């Protein structure tokens, strides 16, 4: 809860700054908008995640663009953002002439309320680059996938498949995620633009990890559309 309050405070401070920015910018310069797009996310690899692939998700939310100087702006955002990864595991063993092969393909879905605070520089009025921190608050976690088991004894083979969806115990996960974002955007009109951003996770997804084990961090590439009012 303290971390959620911290994120809200960061966003509130940025929005309040819009009301007290330098005299060179007027209140009409502050622009509010909505945005949505696609996430291509993964988890940093450790010894247990060699077979992971990127997972497709989405992000959507609101933002405010606050000019602070000529060509410079701050853009705080509140987004619902889906992170995670797609993972494939295969194991095979033989006992008394019977071979059992298990193939599992599942997605780890980590859903966050993300609060990026991007510092933007406009090379030209309709094109910018950006960098800044992102504060994330975990709101949902589950594994969803399919499991196929093939049993072979001599010339006889049987196969069974099952789908599942299991909630991940959030007590084992850090509910706060910190990342660093780098991106760019281009506005085709005064209102409509395309955005792209890469967010590299800094904090470990897992809580209370054993000493000597590798941290697992969120990483995602985002592309989408933005609309300024």
Protein backbone atom coordinates (compact mmCIF):
# COMPACT_ATOMS: atom_id res chain seq x y z
CA UNK A 1 0.00 0.00 0.00
CA UNK A 2 2.87 2.39 0.79
CA UNK A 3 4.32 1.77 -2.67
CA UNK A 4 0.94 2.42 -4.32
CA UNK A 5 0.67 5.69 -2.41
CA UNK A 6 4.21 6.56 -3.56
CA UNK A 7 3.27 6.00 -7.22
CA UNK A 8 0.13 8.10 -6.88
CA UNK A 9 2.17 10.81 -5.17
CA UNK A 10 4.69 10.85 -8.05
CA UNK A 11 1.88 11.21 -10.58
CA UNK A 12 0.08 13.86 -8.50
CA UNK A 13 3.30 15.88 -8.15
CA UNK A 14 3.83 15.80 -11.91
CA UNK A 15 0.27 16.93 -12.59
CA UNK A 16 0.50 19.64 -9.95
CA UNK A 17 3.67 20.87 -11.62
CA UNK A 18 1.58 21.60 -14.69
CA UNK A 19 -0.18 24.29 -12.72
CA UNK A 20 3.04 25.96 -11.53
CA UNK A 21 5.31 25.59 -14.54
CA UNK A 22 7.37 28.48 -15.84
CA UNK A 23 5.72 31.62 -17.12
CA UNK A 24 6.93 30.82 -20.62
CA UNK A 25 4.23 28.15 -20.85
CA UNK A 26 0.52 28.75 -20.36
CA UNK A 27 -2.06 26.35 -18.91
CA UNK A 28 -3.39 25.79 -22.44
CA UNK A 29 -0.06 24.11 -23.31
CA UNK A 30 -0.84 21.15 -21.06
CA UNK A 31 -2.39 18.37 -23.15
CA UNK A 32 -4.29 15.36 -21.85
CA UNK A 33 -4.84 12.21 -23.83
CA UNK A 34 -5.48 8.49 -24.06
CA UNK A 35 -3.27 5.76 -25.47
CA UNK A 36 -3.39 2.03 -26.19
CA UNK A 37 -1.15 -0.50 -27.82
CA UNK A 38 0.57 -3.87 -27.89
CA UNK A 39 3.13 -5.27 -25.47
CA UNK A 40 5.74 -7.81 -26.58
CA UNK A 41 7.05 -8.95 -23.20
CA UNK A 42 9.50 -11.45 -21.77
CA UNK A 43 11.20 -12.34 -18.52
CA UNK A 44 14.97 -12.14 -18.16
CA UNK A 45 16.42 -15.63 -18.45
CA UNK A 46 17.83 -17.77 -15.69
CA UNK A 47 18.60 -21.50 -15.55
CA UNK A 48 14.90 -22.38 -15.56
CA UNK A 49 13.76 -20.18 -18.42
CA UNK A 50 15.90 -21.21 -21.37
CA UNK A 51 12.87 -22.11 -23.50
CA UNK A 52 10.88 -18.94 -23.00
CA UNK A 53 9.41 -16.89 -25.83
CA UNK A 54 7.89 -13.44 -26.00
CA UNK A 55 4.25 -13.03 -25.00
CA UNK A 56 1.80 -10.66 -26.66
CA UNK A 57 -0.31 -8.45 -24.40
CA UNK A 58 -1.72 -4.96 -24.41
CA UNK A 59 -1.54 -1.65 -22.58
CA UNK A 60 -4.07 1.16 -22.29
CA UNK A 61 -4.49 4.29 -20.21
CA UNK A 62 -4.31 8.06 -19.89
CA UNK A 63 -1.54 10.66 -19.92
CA UNK A 64 -0.76 14.35 -19.62
CA UNK A 65 1.96 16.15 -21.61
CA UNK A 66 3.35 19.04 -19.57
CA UNK A 67 5.79 21.49 -21.24
CA UNK A 68 8.57 22.64 -18.91
CA UNK A 69 10.84 24.46 -21.37
CA UNK A 70 11.25 24.96 -25.08
CA UNK A 71 11.36 21.48 -26.68
CA UNK A 72 11.17 19.71 -23.27
CA UNK A 73 8.10 18.10 -21.63
CA UNK A 74 7.20 15.72 -18.83
CA UNK A 75 4.59 13.07 -19.57
CA UNK A 76 3.14 11.15 -16.59
CA UNK A 77 0.85 8.25 -17.45
CA UNK A 78 -1.46 5.71 -15.78
CA UNK A 79 -1.64 2.45 -17.73
CA UNK A 80 -3.05 -1.03 -17.39
CA UNK A 81 -0.19 -3.11 -18.79
CA UNK A 82 0.21 -6.87 -19.36
CA UNK A 83 3.71 -8.30 -18.81
CA UNK A 84 5.03 -11.85 -18.60
CA UNK A 85 6.37 -14.50 -20.98
CA UNK A 86 5.48 -17.64 -22.91
CA UNK A 87 7.37 -20.71 -21.74
CA UNK A 88 7.75 -24.24 -23.14
CA UNK A 89 8.98 -27.17 -21.07
CA UNK A 90 9.64 -30.73 -22.24
CA UNK A 91 10.71 -33.71 -20.16
CA UNK A 92 11.01 -37.38 -21.09
CA UNK A 93 11.81 -40.49 -19.07
CA UNK A 94 11.70 -44.25 -19.51
CA UNK A 95 10.76 -46.79 -16.83
CA UNK A 96 10.60 -50.55 -17.51
CA UNK A 97 10.34 -50.07 -21.26
CA UNK A 98 7.63 -47.40 -21.08
CA UNK A 99 8.58 -43.90 -22.28
CA UNK A 100 6.64 -40.92 -21.03
CA UNK A 101 7.04 -37.54 -22.73
CA UNK A 102 5.47 -34.39 -21.23
CA UNK A 103 5.22 -31.21 -23.28
CA UNK A 104 3.96 -28.08 -21.57
CA UNK A 105 3.35 -24.71 -23.20
CA UNK A 106 2.04 -21.91 -21.03
CA UNK A 107 1.97 -18.15 -20.58
CA UNK A 108 2.91 -16.43 -17.37
CA UNK A 109 0.63 -13.39 -17.19
CA UNK A 110 1.65 -10.53 -14.90
CA UNK A 111 -0.78 -7.60 -14.96
CA UNK A 112 0.25 -4.21 -13.59
CA UNK A 113 -1.07 -0.73 -13.06
CA UNK A 114 1.95 1.11 -14.45
CA UNK A 115 2.84 4.75 -13.76
CA UNK A 116 5.56 5.89 -16.22
CA UNK A 117 6.97 9.41 -15.90
CA UNK A 118 8.67 10.19 -19.21
CA UNK A 119 10.97 13.14 -19.91
CA UNK A 120 10.55 14.08 -23.57
CA UNK A 121 12.61 16.10 -26.00
CA UNK A 122 11.09 17.32 -29.26
CA UNK A 123 13.53 17.48 -32.17
CA UNK A 124 10.68 18.96 -34.18
CA UNK A 125 7.16 19.77 -32.94
CA UNK A 126 5.71 16.41 -34.01
CA UNK A 127 8.64 14.06 -33.20
CA UNK A 128 10.09 13.32 -29.75
CA UNK A 129 12.38 10.96 -27.89
CA UNK A 130 11.85 10.08 -24.24
CA UNK A 131 13.33 8.42 -21.19
CA UNK A 132 12.22 7.98 -17.62
CA UNK A 133 11.21 5.67 -14.79
CA UNK A 134 8.18 3.41 -14.62
CA UNK A 135 6.53 2.39 -11.36
CA UNK A 136 4.37 -0.74 -11.53
CA UNK A 137 1.86 -2.24 -9.08
CA UNK A 138 0.92 -5.90 -9.54
CA UNK A 139 -2.84 -6.50 -9.75
CA UNK A 140 -3.01 -10.01 -11.23
CA UNK A 141 -0.80 -13.07 -11.83
CA UNK A 142 -1.59 -16.45 -13.38
CA UNK A 143 -0.23 -19.24 -15.56
CA UNK A 144 -2.39 -20.37 -18.48
CA UNK A 145 -1.50 -23.11 -20.93
CA UNK A 146 -1.69 -26.66 -22.27
CA UNK A 147 -0.07 -29.90 -21.17
CA UNK A 148 0.32 -32.93 -23.50
CA UNK A 149 1.47 -36.34 -22.26
CA UNK A 150 2.52 -39.11 -24.64
CA UNK A 151 3.11 -42.64 -23.31
CA UNK A 152 4.84 -45.21 -25.54
CA UNK A 153 5.19 -48.91 -24.76
CA UNK A 154 6.62 -50.90 -27.60
CA UNK A 155 4.50 -50.13 -30.68
CA UNK A 156 1.60 -48.73 -28.63
CA UNK A 157 1.29 -44.99 -28.10
CA UNK A 158 -1.35 -43.00 -26.23
CA UNK A 159 -1.66 -39.23 -25.99
CA UNK A 160 -3.67 -37.06 -23.62
CA UNK A 161 -3.99 -33.26 -23.49
CA UNK A 162 -5.35 -30.82 -20.95
CA UNK A 163 -5.68 -27.05 -20.63
CA UNK A 164 -5.34 -25.21 -17.35
CA UNK A 165 -5.36 -21.77 -15.77
CA UNK A 166 -3.77 -21.39 -12.35
CA UNK A 167 -3.48 -18.28 -10.22
CA UNK A 168 0.03 -17.50 -8.99
CA UNK A 169 0.30 -16.84 -5.27
CA UNK A 170 1.11 -13.14 -5.14
CA UNK A 171 2.71 -13.64 -1.72
CA UNK A 172 5.66 -15.11 -3.66
CA UNK A 173 5.94 -12.09 -5.97
CA UNK A 174 7.05 -8.51 -5.55
CA UNK A 175 3.92 -6.41 -5.91
CA UNK A 176 6.06 -3.37 -6.84
CA UNK A 177 7.95 -3.26 -10.13
CA UNK A 178 10.46 -0.59 -11.14
CA UNK A 179 11.69 -0.17 -14.70
CA UNK A 180 13.43 2.31 -16.99
CA UNK A 181 11.83 3.28 -20.28
CA UNK A 182 13.33 4.57 -23.54
CA UNK A 183 11.15 5.50 -26.48
CA UNK A 184 10.03 7.81 -29.24
CA UNK A 185 6.85 9.08 -30.82
CA UNK A 186 5.57 10.79 -33.93
CA UNK A 187 2.33 12.76 -34.30
CA UNK A 188 0.75 12.66 -37.75
CA UNK A 189 -1.71 15.39 -36.75
CA UNK A 190 -2.09 17.69 -33.76
CA UNK A 191 -4.08 14.91 -32.05
CA UNK A 192 -3.06 11.47 -33.38
CA UNK A 193 0.35 9.87 -33.00
CA UNK A 194 2.24 6.59 -32.92
CA UNK A 195 4.41 5.64 -29.95
CA UNK A 196 7.15 3.08 -29.28
CA UNK A 197 8.90 2.31 -25.99
CA UNK A 198 11.17 -0.31 -24.45
CA UNK A 199 10.92 -0.82 -20.68
CA UNK A 200 13.73 -2.71 -18.94
CA UNK A 201 12.86 -4.06 -15.51
CA UNK A 202 15.16 -3.34 -12.59
CA UNK A 203 13.43 -5.11 -9.68
CA UNK A 204 13.18 -8.88 -9.27
CA UNK A 205 9.74 -10.32 -10.01
CA UNK A 206 10.14 -12.89 -7.23
CA UNK A 207 10.09 -12.04 -3.55
CA UNK A 208 12.63 -13.42 -1.05
CA UNK A 209 14.83 -15.08 -3.67
CA UNK A 210 17.52 -17.40 -2.38
CA UNK A 211 21.10 -16.12 -2.38
CA UNK A 212 23.03 -17.08 -5.49
CA UNK A 213 20.00 -17.55 -7.73
CA UNK A 214 19.40 -15.32 -10.75
CA UNK A 215 16.88 -12.50 -10.58
CA UNK A 216 13.96 -12.56 -13.02
CA UNK A 217 12.99 -9.15 -14.40
CA UNK A 218 10.24 -7.86 -16.66
CA UNK A 219 11.18 -6.59 -20.12
CA UNK A 220 8.75 -5.31 -22.72
CA UNK A 221 8.57 -3.52 -26.04
CA UNK A 222 5.46 -1.40 -26.55
CA UNK A 223 4.00 0.10 -29.71
CA UNK A 224 0.67 1.86 -30.00
CA UNK A 225 -1.42 4.89 -30.79
CA UNK A 226 -1.98 8.06 -28.75
CA UNK A 227 -4.74 10.64 -28.98
CA UNK A 228 -4.40 14.12 -27.45
CA UNK A 229 -7.51 16.12 -26.63
